Amino acid sequence: FAFSAPVIDDVTTGRITRAEWVRAI
């Protein structure tokens, strides 16, 4: 899940923070 679209694209282009990414996971 962590490296799937769209979440990985959102975090690596700055649309969400790393903390938000971990929380989404």
mmCIF file of all heavy atoms, coordinates in Angstrom:
data_MODEL
# 
_entry.id   MODEL 
# 
loop_
_atom_site.group_PDB 
_atom_site.id 
_atom_site.type_symbol 
_atom_site.label_atom_id 
_atom_site.label_alt_id 
_atom_site.label_comp_id 
_atom_site.label_asym_id 
_atom_site.label_entity_id 
_atom_site.label_seq_id 
_atom_site.pdbx_PDB_ins_code 
_atom_site.Cartn_x 
_atom_site.Cartn_y 
_atom_site.Cartn_z 
_atom_site.occupancy 
_atom_site.B_iso_or_equiv 
_atom_site.pdbx_formal_charge 
_atom_site.auth_seq_id 
_atom_site.auth_comp_id 
_atom_site.auth_asym_id 
_atom_site.auth_atom_id 
_atom_site.pdbx_PDB_model_num 
ATOM 1   N N   . PHE A 1 1  ? 0.830  -1.211 0.000  1.00 0.00 ? 1  PHE A N   1 
ATOM 2   C CA  . PHE A 1 1  ? 0.000  0.000  0.000  1.00 0.00 ? 1  PHE A CA  1 
ATOM 3   C C   . PHE A 1 1  ? 0.862  1.259  0.000  1.00 0.00 ? 1  PHE A C   1 
ATOM 4   O O   . PHE A 1 1  ? 0.581  2.212  -0.736 1.00 0.00 ? 1  PHE A O   1 
ATOM 5   C CB  . PHE A 1 1  ? -0.928 0.030  1.215  1.00 0.00 ? 1  PHE A CB  1 
ATOM 6   C CG  . PHE A 1 1  ? -1.747 1.298  1.271  1.00 0.00 ? 1  PHE A CG  1 
ATOM 7   C CD1 . PHE A 1 1  ? -2.820 1.479  0.415  1.00 0.00 ? 1  PHE A CD1 1 
ATOM 8   C CD2 . PHE A 1 1  ? -1.420 2.323  2.152  1.00 0.00 ? 1  PHE A CD2 1 
ATOM 9   C CE1 . PHE A 1 1  ? -3.568 2.662  0.435  1.00 0.00 ? 1  PHE A CE1 1 
ATOM 10  C CE2 . PHE A 1 1  ? -2.156 3.510  2.185  1.00 0.00 ? 1  PHE A CE2 1 
ATOM 11  C CZ  . PHE A 1 1  ? -3.229 3.673  1.321  1.00 0.00 ? 1  PHE A CZ  1 
ATOM 12  N N   . ALA A 1 2  ? 1.919  1.282  0.800  1.00 0.00 ? 2  ALA A N   1 
ATOM 13  C CA  . ALA A 1 2  ? 2.740  2.490  0.946  1.00 0.00 ? 2  ALA A CA  1 
ATOM 14  C C   . ALA A 1 2  ? 3.287  2.975  -0.381 1.00 0.00 ? 2  ALA A C   1 
ATOM 15  O O   . ALA A 1 2  ? 3.392  4.192  -0.614 1.00 0.00 ? 2  ALA A O   1 
ATOM 16  C CB  . ALA A 1 2  ? 3.884  2.228  1.911  1.00 0.00 ? 2  ALA A CB  1 
ATOM 17  N N   . PHE A 1 3  ? 3.637  2.033  -1.274 1.00 0.00 ? 3  PHE A N   1 
ATOM 18  C CA  . PHE A 1 3  ? 4.263  2.411  -2.533 1.00 0.00 ? 3  PHE A CA  1 
ATOM 19  C C   . PHE A 1 3  ? 3.315  2.303  -3.719 1.00 0.00 ? 3  PHE A C   1 
ATOM 20  O O   . PHE A 1 3  ? 3.746  2.234  -4.871 1.00 0.00 ? 3  PHE A O   1 
ATOM 21  C CB  . PHE A 1 3  ? 5.510  1.558  -2.769 1.00 0.00 ? 3  PHE A CB  1 
ATOM 22  C CG  . PHE A 1 3  ? 6.567  1.765  -1.714 1.00 0.00 ? 3  PHE A CG  1 
ATOM 23  C CD1 . PHE A 1 3  ? 7.136  0.682  -1.060 1.00 0.00 ? 3  PHE A CD1 1 
ATOM 24  C CD2 . PHE A 1 3  ? 6.975  3.042  -1.355 1.00 0.00 ? 3  PHE A CD2 1 
ATOM 25  C CE1 . PHE A 1 3  ? 8.108  0.871  -0.079 1.00 0.00 ? 3  PHE A CE1 1 
ATOM 26  C CE2 . PHE A 1 3  ? 7.938  3.238  -0.373 1.00 0.00 ? 3  PHE A CE2 1 
ATOM 27  C CZ  . PHE A 1 3  ? 8.504  2.158  0.261  1.00 0.00 ? 3  PHE A CZ  1 
ATOM 28  N N   . SER A 1 4  ? 2.005  2.316  -3.430 1.00 0.00 ? 4  SER A N   1 
ATOM 29  C CA  . SER A 1 4  ? 1.007  2.255  -4.495 1.00 0.00 ? 4  SER A CA  1 
ATOM 30  C C   . SER A 1 4  ? 0.469  3.652  -4.788 1.00 0.00 ? 4  SER A C   1 
ATOM 31  O O   . SER A 1 4  ? 0.504  4.551  -3.942 1.00 0.00 ? 4  SER A O   1 
ATOM 32  C CB  . SER A 1 4  ? -0.146 1.331  -4.095 1.00 0.00 ? 4  SER A CB  1 
ATOM 33  O OG  . SER A 1 4  ? -0.894 1.895  -3.013 1.00 0.00 ? 4  SER A OG  1 
ATOM 34  N N   . ALA A 1 5  ? -0.012 3.838  -6.009 1.00 0.00 ? 5  ALA A N   1 
ATOM 35  C CA  . ALA A 1 5  ? -0.673 5.090  -6.381 1.00 0.00 ? 5  ALA A CA  1 
ATOM 36  C C   . ALA A 1 5  ? -2.083 5.094  -5.789 1.00 0.00 ? 5  ALA A C   1 
ATOM 37  O O   . ALA A 1 5  ? -2.707 4.046  -5.679 1.00 0.00 ? 5  ALA A O   1 
ATOM 38  C CB  . ALA A 1 5  ? -0.729 5.210  -7.894 1.00 0.00 ? 5  ALA A CB  1 
ATOM 39  N N   . PRO A 1 6  ? -2.601 6.266  -5.396 1.00 0.00 ? 6  PRO A N   1 
ATOM 40  C CA  . PRO A 1 6  ? -1.972 7.583  -5.550 1.00 0.00 ? 6  PRO A CA  1 
ATOM 41  C C   . PRO A 1 6  ? -1.143 8.037  -4.350 1.00 0.00 ? 6  PRO A C   1 
ATOM 42  O O   . PRO A 1 6  ? -0.534 9.089  -4.393 1.00 0.00 ? 6  PRO A O   1 
ATOM 43  C CB  . PRO A 1 6  ? -3.173 8.502  -5.721 1.00 0.00 ? 6  PRO A CB  1 
ATOM 44  C CG  . PRO A 1 6  ? -4.211 7.884  -4.811 1.00 0.00 ? 6  PRO A CG  1 
ATOM 45  C CD  . PRO A 1 6  ? -4.014 6.391  -4.953 1.00 0.00 ? 6  PRO A CD  1 
ATOM 46  N N   . VAL A 1 7  ? -1.121 7.237  -3.274 1.00 0.00 ? 7  VAL A N   1 
ATOM 47  C CA  . VAL A 1 7  ? -0.530 7.741  -2.033 1.00 0.00 ? 7  VAL A CA  1 
ATOM 48  C C   . VAL A 1 7  ? 0.971  8.000  -2.190 1.00 0.00 ? 7  VAL A C   1 
ATOM 49  O O   . VAL A 1 7  ? 1.486  9.004  -1.686 1.00 0.00 ? 7  VAL A O   1 
ATOM 50  C CB  . VAL A 1 7  ? -0.837 6.789  -0.851 1.00 0.00 ? 7  VAL A CB  1 
ATOM 51  C CG1 . VAL A 1 7  ? -0.143 5.441  -1.018 1.00 0.00 ? 7  VAL A CG1 1 
ATOM 52  C CG2 . VAL A 1 7  ? -0.440 7.431  0.463  1.00 0.00 ? 7  VAL A CG2 1 
ATOM 53  N N   . ILE A 1 8  ? 1.685  7.131  -2.921 1.00 0.00 ? 8  ILE A N   1 
ATOM 54  C CA  . ILE A 1 8  ? 3.120  7.359  -3.074 1.00 0.00 ? 8  ILE A CA  1 
ATOM 55  C C   . ILE A 1 8  ? 3.389  8.593  -3.917 1.00 0.00 ? 8  ILE A C   1 
ATOM 56  O O   . ILE A 1 8  ? 4.340  9.350  -3.668 1.00 0.00 ? 8  ILE A O   1 
ATOM 57  C CB  . ILE A 1 8  ? 3.818  6.111  -3.670 1.00 0.00 ? 8  ILE A CB  1 
ATOM 58  C CG1 . ILE A 1 8  ? 5.335  6.281  -3.638 1.00 0.00 ? 8  ILE A CG1 1 
ATOM 59  C CG2 . ILE A 1 8  ? 3.320  5.823  -5.079 1.00 0.00 ? 8  ILE A CG2 1 
ATOM 60  C CD1 . ILE A 1 8  ? 5.942  6.436  -2.265 1.00 0.00 ? 8  ILE A CD1 1 
ATOM 61  N N   . ASP A 1 9  ? 2.536  8.834  -4.913 1.00 0.00 ? 9  ASP A N   1 
ATOM 62  C CA  . ASP A 1 9  ? 2.704  10.028 -5.743 1.00 0.00 ? 9  ASP A CA  1 
ATOM 63  C C   . ASP A 1 9  ? 2.421  11.287 -4.928 1.00 0.00 ? 9  ASP A C   1 
ATOM 64  O O   . ASP A 1 9  ? 3.109  12.311 -5.083 1.00 0.00 ? 9  ASP A O   1 
ATOM 65  C CB  . ASP A 1 9  ? 1.767  9.975  -6.949 1.00 0.00 ? 9  ASP A CB  1 
ATOM 66  C CG  . ASP A 1 9  ? 2.015  8.746  -7.801 1.00 0.00 ? 9  ASP A CG  1 
ATOM 67  O OD1 . ASP A 1 9  ? 3.187  8.452  -8.101 1.00 0.00 ? 9  ASP A OD1 1 
ATOM 68  O OD2 . ASP A 1 9  ? 1.031  8.060  -8.157 1.00 0.00 ? 9  ASP A OD2 1 
ATOM 69  N N   . ASP A 1 10 ? 1.433  11.205 -4.057 1.00 0.00 ? 10 ASP A N   1 
ATOM 70  C CA  . ASP A 1 10 ? 1.093  12.376 -3.240 1.00 0.00 ? 10 ASP A CA  1 
ATOM 71  C C   . ASP A 1 10 ? 2.239  12.757 -2.300 1.00 0.00 ? 10 ASP A C   1 
ATOM 72  O O   . ASP A 1 10 ? 2.569  13.937 -2.157 1.00 0.00 ? 10 ASP A O   1 
ATOM 73  C CB  . ASP A 1 10 ? -0.170 12.099 -2.418 1.00 0.00 ? 10 ASP A CB  1 
ATOM 74  C CG  . ASP A 1 10 ? -1.427 12.076 -3.264 1.00 0.00 ? 10 ASP A CG  1 
ATOM 75  O OD1 . ASP A 1 10 ? -1.390 12.607 -4.394 1.00 0.00 ? 10 ASP A OD1 1 
ATOM 76  O OD2 . ASP A 1 10 ? -2.443 11.523 -2.796 1.00 0.00 ? 10 ASP A OD2 1 
ATOM 77  N N   . VAL A 1 11 ? 2.865  11.766 -1.676 1.00 0.00 ? 11 VAL A N   1 
ATOM 78  C CA  . VAL A 1 11 ? 3.901  12.097 -0.694 1.00 0.00 ? 11 VAL A CA  1 
ATOM 79  C C   . VAL A 1 11 ? 5.205  12.492 -1.362 1.00 0.00 ? 11 VAL A C   1 
ATOM 80  O O   . VAL A 1 11 ? 5.937  13.353 -0.860 1.00 0.00 ? 11 VAL A O   1 
ATOM 81  C CB  . VAL A 1 11 ? 4.107  10.934 0.303  1.00 0.00 ? 11 VAL A CB  1 
ATOM 82  C CG1 . VAL A 1 11 ? 4.824  9.742  -0.325 1.00 0.00 ? 11 VAL A CG1 1 
ATOM 83  C CG2 . VAL A 1 11 ? 4.872  11.427 1.529  1.00 0.00 ? 11 VAL A CG2 1 
ATOM 84  N N   . THR A 1 12 ? 5.510  11.910 -2.522 1.00 0.00 ? 12 THR A N   1 
ATOM 85  C CA  . THR A 1 12 ? 6.789  12.224 -3.165 1.00 0.00 ? 12 THR A CA  1 
ATOM 86  C C   . THR A 1 12 ? 6.734  13.470 -4.036 1.00 0.00 ? 12 THR A C   1 
ATOM 87  O O   . THR A 1 12 ? 7.768  13.920 -4.535 1.00 0.00 ? 12 THR A O   1 
ATOM 88  C CB  . THR A 1 12 ? 7.296  11.032 -4.006 1.00 0.00 ? 12 THR A CB  1 
ATOM 89  O OG1 . THR A 1 12 ? 6.293  10.639 -4.936 1.00 0.00 ? 12 THR A OG1 1 
ATOM 90  C CG2 . THR A 1 12 ? 7.690  9.865  -3.104 1.00 0.00 ? 12 THR A CG2 1 
ATOM 91  N N   . THR A 1 13 ? 5.556  14.039 -4.195 1.00 0.00 ? 13 THR A N   1 
ATOM 92  C CA  . THR A 1 13 ? 5.466  15.332 -4.883 1.00 0.00 ? 13 THR A CA  1 
ATOM 93  C C   . THR A 1 13 ? 5.065  16.451 -3.922 1.00 0.00 ? 13 THR A C   1 
ATOM 94  O O   . THR A 1 13 ? 4.791  17.573 -4.354 1.00 0.00 ? 13 THR A O   1 
ATOM 95  C CB  . THR A 1 13 ? 4.467  15.281 -6.056 1.00 0.00 ? 13 THR A CB  1 
ATOM 96  O OG1 . THR A 1 13 ? 3.194  14.845 -5.586 1.00 0.00 ? 13 THR A OG1 1 
ATOM 97  C CG2 . THR A 1 13 ? 4.961  14.349 -7.148 1.00 0.00 ? 13 THR A CG2 1 
ATOM 98  N N   . GLY A 1 14 ? 5.036  16.137 -2.637 1.00 0.00 ? 14 GLY A N   1 
ATOM 99  C CA  . GLY A 1 14 ? 4.794  17.165 -1.639 1.00 0.00 ? 14 GLY A CA  1 
ATOM 100 C C   . GLY A 1 14 ? 3.349  17.531 -1.417 1.00 0.00 ? 14 GLY A C   1 
ATOM 101 O O   . GLY A 1 14 ? 3.060  18.506 -0.715 1.00 0.00 ? 14 GLY A O   1 
ATOM 102 N N   . ARG A 1 15 ? 2.425  16.751 -1.978 1.00 0.00 ? 15 ARG A N   1 
ATOM 103 C CA  . ARG A 1 15 ? 1.005  17.078 -1.773 1.00 0.00 ? 15 ARG A CA  1 
ATOM 104 C C   . ARG A 1 15 ? 0.538  16.682 -0.382 1.00 0.00 ? 15 ARG A C   1 
ATOM 105 O O   . ARG A 1 15 ? -0.424 17.259 0.140  1.00 0.00 ? 15 ARG A O   1 
ATOM 106 C CB  . ARG A 1 15 ? 0.153  16.400 -2.853 1.00 0.00 ? 15 ARG A CB  1 
ATOM 107 C CG  . ARG A 1 15 ? 0.360  16.989 -4.245 1.00 0.00 ? 15 ARG A CG  1 
ATOM 108 C CD  . ARG A 1 15 ? -0.714 16.529 -5.213 1.00 0.00 ? 15 ARG A CD  1 
ATOM 109 N NE  . ARG A 1 15 ? -0.605 15.120 -5.556 1.00 0.00 ? 15 ARG A NE  1 
ATOM 110 C CZ  . ARG A 1 15 ? 0.086  14.653 -6.606 1.00 0.00 ? 15 ARG A CZ  1 
ATOM 111 N NH1 . ARG A 1 15 ? 0.753  15.487 -7.379 1.00 0.00 ? 15 ARG A NH1 1 
ATOM 112 N NH2 . ARG A 1 15 ? 0.105  13.359 -6.868 1.00 0.00 ? 15 ARG A NH2 1 
ATOM 113 N N   . ILE A 1 16 ? 1.194  15.671 0.211  1.00 0.00 ? 16 ILE A N   1 
ATOM 114 C CA  . ILE A 1 16 ? 0.946  15.336 1.608  1.00 0.00 ? 16 ILE A CA  1 
ATOM 115 C C   . ILE A 1 16 ? 2.301  15.182 2.299  1.00 0.00 ? 16 ILE A C   1 
ATOM 116 O O   . ILE A 1 16 ? 3.326  14.987 1.643  1.00 0.00 ? 16 ILE A O   1 
ATOM 117 C CB  . ILE A 1 16 ? 0.117  14.044 1.781  1.00 0.00 ? 16 ILE A CB  1 
ATOM 118 C CG1 . ILE A 1 16 ? 0.875  12.822 1.220  1.00 0.00 ? 16 ILE A CG1 1 
ATOM 119 C CG2 . ILE A 1 16 ? -1.261 14.191 1.142  1.00 0.00 ? 16 ILE A CG2 1 
ATOM 120 C CD1 . ILE A 1 16 ? 0.194  11.490 1.495  1.00 0.00 ? 16 ILE A CD1 1 
ATOM 121 N N   . THR A 1 17 ? 2.308  15.285 3.609  1.00 0.00 ? 17 THR A N   1 
ATOM 122 C CA  . THR A 1 17 ? 3.558  15.143 4.363  1.00 0.00 ? 17 THR A CA  1 
ATOM 123 C C   . THR A 1 17 ? 3.858  13.670 4.628  1.00 0.00 ? 17 THR A C   1 
ATOM 124 O O   . THR A 1 17 ? 3.001  12.790 4.473  1.00 0.00 ? 17 THR A O   1 
ATOM 125 C CB  . THR A 1 17 ? 3.457  15.863 5.710  1.00 0.00 ? 17 THR A CB  1 
ATOM 126 O OG1 . THR A 1 17 ? 2.463  15.193 6.520  1.00 0.00 ? 17 THR A OG1 1 
ATOM 127 C CG2 . THR A 1 17 ? 3.085  17.329 5.537  1.00 0.00 ? 17 THR A CG2 1 
ATOM 128 N N   . ARG A 1 18 ? 5.076  13.427 5.072  1.00 0.00 ? 18 ARG A N   1 
ATOM 129 C CA  . ARG A 1 18 ? 5.451  12.063 5.435  1.00 0.00 ? 18 ARG A CA  1 
ATOM 130 C C   . ARG A 1 18 ? 4.566  11.555 6.577  1.00 0.00 ? 18 ARG A C   1 
ATOM 131 O O   . ARG A 1 18 ? 4.139  10.396 6.582  1.00 0.00 ? 18 ARG A O   1 
ATOM 132 C CB  . ARG A 1 18 ? 6.922  12.013 5.846  1.00 0.00 ? 18 ARG A CB  1 
ATOM 133 C CG  . ARG A 1 18 ? 7.452  10.602 6.070  1.00 0.00 ? 18 ARG A CG  1 
ATOM 134 C CD  . ARG A 1 18 ? 8.925  10.641 6.452  1.00 0.00 ? 18 ARG A CD  1 
ATOM 135 N NE  . ARG A 1 18 ? 9.510  9.307  6.474  1.00 0.00 ? 18 ARG A NE  1 
ATOM 136 C CZ  . ARG A 1 18 ? 9.354  8.435  7.461  1.00 0.00 ? 18 ARG A CZ  1 
ATOM 137 N NH1 . ARG A 1 18 ? 8.622  8.767  8.528  1.00 0.00 ? 18 ARG A NH1 1 
ATOM 138 N NH2 . ARG A 1 18 ? 9.923  7.243  7.407  1.00 0.00 ? 18 ARG A NH2 1 
ATOM 139 N N   . ALA A 1 19 ? 4.284  12.418 7.549  1.00 0.00 ? 19 ALA A N   1 
ATOM 140 C CA  . ALA A 1 19 ? 3.435  12.022 8.673  1.00 0.00 ? 19 ALA A CA  1 
ATOM 141 C C   . ALA A 1 19 ? 2.037  11.646 8.194  1.00 0.00 ? 19 ALA A C   1 
ATOM 142 O O   . ALA A 1 19 ? 1.437  10.665 8.681  1.00 0.00 ? 19 ALA A O   1 
ATOM 143 C CB  . ALA A 1 19 ? 3.356  13.154 9.695  1.00 0.00 ? 19 ALA A CB  1 
ATOM 144 N N   . GLU A 1 20 ? 1.501  12.390 7.238  1.00 0.00 ? 20 GLU A N   1 
ATOM 145 C CA  . GLU A 1 20 ? 0.179  12.077 6.685  1.00 0.00 ? 20 GLU A CA  1 
ATOM 146 C C   . GLU A 1 20 ? 0.216  10.758 5.905  1.00 0.00 ? 20 GLU A C   1 
ATOM 147 O O   . GLU A 1 20 ? -0.756 9.989  5.927  1.00 0.00 ? 20 GLU A O   1 
ATOM 148 C CB  . GLU A 1 20 ? -0.293 13.216 5.786  1.00 0.00 ? 20 GLU A CB  1 
ATOM 149 C CG  . GLU A 1 20 ? -0.641 14.475 6.553  1.00 0.00 ? 20 GLU A CG  1 
ATOM 150 C CD  . GLU A 1 20 ? -0.855 15.678 5.654  1.00 0.00 ? 20 GLU A CD  1 
ATOM 151 O OE1 . GLU A 1 20 ? -0.230 15.752 4.575  1.00 0.00 ? 20 GLU A OE1 1 
ATOM 152 O OE2 . GLU A 1 20 ? -1.657 16.562 6.036  1.00 0.00 ? 20 GLU A OE2 1 
ATOM 153 N N   . TRP A 1 21 ? 1.321  10.514 5.232  1.00 0.00 ? 21 TRP A N   1 
ATOM 154 C CA  . TRP A 1 21 ? 1.504  9.249  4.498  1.00 0.00 ? 21 TRP A CA  1 
ATOM 155 C C   . TRP A 1 21 ? 1.482  8.060  5.456  1.00 0.00 ? 21 TRP A C   1 
ATOM 156 O O   . TRP A 1 21 ? 0.754  7.091  5.241  1.00 0.00 ? 21 TRP A O   1 
ATOM 157 C CB  . TRP A 1 21 ? 2.834  9.331  3.756  1.00 0.00 ? 21 TRP A CB  1 
ATOM 158 C CG  . TRP A 1 21 ? 3.248  8.155  2.940  1.00 0.00 ? 21 TRP A CG  1 
ATOM 159 C CD1 . TRP A 1 21 ? 2.480  7.429  2.069  1.00 0.00 ? 21 TRP A CD1 1 
ATOM 160 C CD2 . TRP A 1 21 ? 4.569  7.596  2.860  1.00 0.00 ? 21 TRP A CD2 1 
ATOM 161 N NE1 . TRP A 1 21 ? 3.234  6.448  1.456  1.00 0.00 ? 21 TRP A NE1 1 
ATOM 162 C CE2 . TRP A 1 21 ? 4.531  6.533  1.924  1.00 0.00 ? 21 TRP A CE2 1 
ATOM 163 C CE3 . TRP A 1 21 ? 5.775  7.906  3.471  1.00 0.00 ? 21 TRP A CE3 1 
ATOM 164 C CZ2 . TRP A 1 21 ? 5.656  5.769  1.602  1.00 0.00 ? 21 TRP A CZ2 1 
ATOM 165 C CZ3 . TRP A 1 21 ? 6.896  7.150  3.147  1.00 0.00 ? 21 TRP A CZ3 1 
ATOM 166 C CH2 . TRP A 1 21 ? 6.833  6.095  2.230  1.00 0.00 ? 21 TRP A CH2 1 
ATOM 167 N N   . VAL A 1 22 ? 2.255  8.149  6.522  1.00 0.00 ? 22 VAL A N   1 
ATOM 168 C CA  . VAL A 1 22 ? 2.303  7.057  7.505  1.00 0.00 ? 22 VAL A CA  1 
ATOM 169 C C   . VAL A 1 22 ? 0.921  6.851  8.129  1.00 0.00 ? 22 VAL A C   1 
ATOM 170 O O   . VAL A 1 22 ? 0.474  5.712  8.319  1.00 0.00 ? 22 VAL A O   1 
ATOM 171 C CB  . VAL A 1 22 ? 3.368  7.345  8.581  1.00 0.00 ? 22 VAL A CB  1 
ATOM 172 C CG1 . VAL A 1 22 ? 3.278  6.335  9.719  1.00 0.00 ? 22 VAL A CG1 1 
ATOM 173 C CG2 . VAL A 1 22 ? 4.769  7.327  7.955  1.00 0.00 ? 22 VAL A CG2 1 
ATOM 174 N N   . ARG A 1 23 ? 0.243  7.951  8.417  1.00 0.00 ? 23 ARG A N   1 
ATOM 175 C CA  . ARG A 1 23 ? -1.091 7.839  8.989  1.00 0.00 ? 23 ARG A CA  1 
ATOM 176 C C   . ARG A 1 23 ? -2.056 7.157  8.011  1.00 0.00 ? 23 ARG A C   1 
ATOM 177 O O   . ARG A 1 23 ? -2.873 6.308  8.409  1.00 0.00 ? 23 ARG A O   1 
ATOM 178 C CB  . ARG A 1 23 ? -1.625 9.222  9.369  1.00 0.00 ? 23 ARG A CB  1 
ATOM 179 C CG  . ARG A 1 23 ? -2.967 9.180  10.091 1.00 0.00 ? 23 ARG A CG  1 
ATOM 180 C CD  . ARG A 1 23 ? -3.217 10.457 10.873 1.00 0.00 ? 23 ARG A CD  1 
ATOM 181 N NE  . ARG A 1 23 ? -3.172 11.657 10.036 1.00 0.00 ? 23 ARG A NE  1 
ATOM 182 C CZ  . ARG A 1 23 ? -2.207 12.586 10.109 1.00 0.00 ? 23 ARG A CZ  1 
ATOM 183 N NH1 . ARG A 1 23 ? -1.220 12.462 10.979 1.00 0.00 ? 23 ARG A NH1 1 
ATOM 184 N NH2 . ARG A 1 23 ? -2.240 13.643 9.327  1.00 0.00 ? 23 ARG A NH2 1 
ATOM 185 N N   . ALA A 1 24 ? -1.951 7.482  6.725  1.00 0.00 ? 24 ALA A N   1 
ATOM 186 C CA  . ALA A 1 24 ? -2.805 6.857  5.712  1.00 0.00 ? 24 ALA A CA  1 
ATOM 187 C C   . ALA A 1 24 ? -2.533 5.359  5.609  1.00 0.00 ? 24 ALA A C   1 
ATOM 188 O O   . ALA A 1 24 ? -3.457 4.559  5.427  1.00 0.00 ? 24 ALA A O   1 
ATOM 189 C CB  . ALA A 1 24 ? -2.584 7.526  4.359  1.00 0.00 ? 24 ALA A CB  1 
ATOM 190 N N   . ILE A 1 25 ? -1.262 4.983  5.746  1.00 0.00 ? 25 ILE A N   1 
ATOM 191 C CA  . ILE A 1 25 ? -0.904 3.561  5.719  1.00 0.00 ? 25 ILE A CA  1 
ATOM 192 C C   . ILE A 1 25 ? -1.559 2.835  6.899  1.00 0.00 ? 25 ILE A C   1 
ATOM 193 O O   . ILE A 1 25 ? -2.158 1.768  6.744  1.00 0.00 ? 25 ILE A O   1 
ATOM 194 C CB  . ILE A 1 25 ? 0.624  3.394  5.760  1.00 0.00 ? 25 ILE A CB  1 
ATOM 195 C CG1 . ILE A 1 25 ? 1.269  3.981  4.500  1.00 0.00 ? 25 ILE A CG1 1 
ATOM 196 C CG2 . ILE A 1 25 ? 1.008  1.914  5.908  1.00 0.00 ? 25 ILE A CG2 1 
ATOM 197 C CD1 . ILE A 1 25 ? 2.769  4.174  4.602  1.00 0.00 ? 25 ILE A CD1 1 
# 
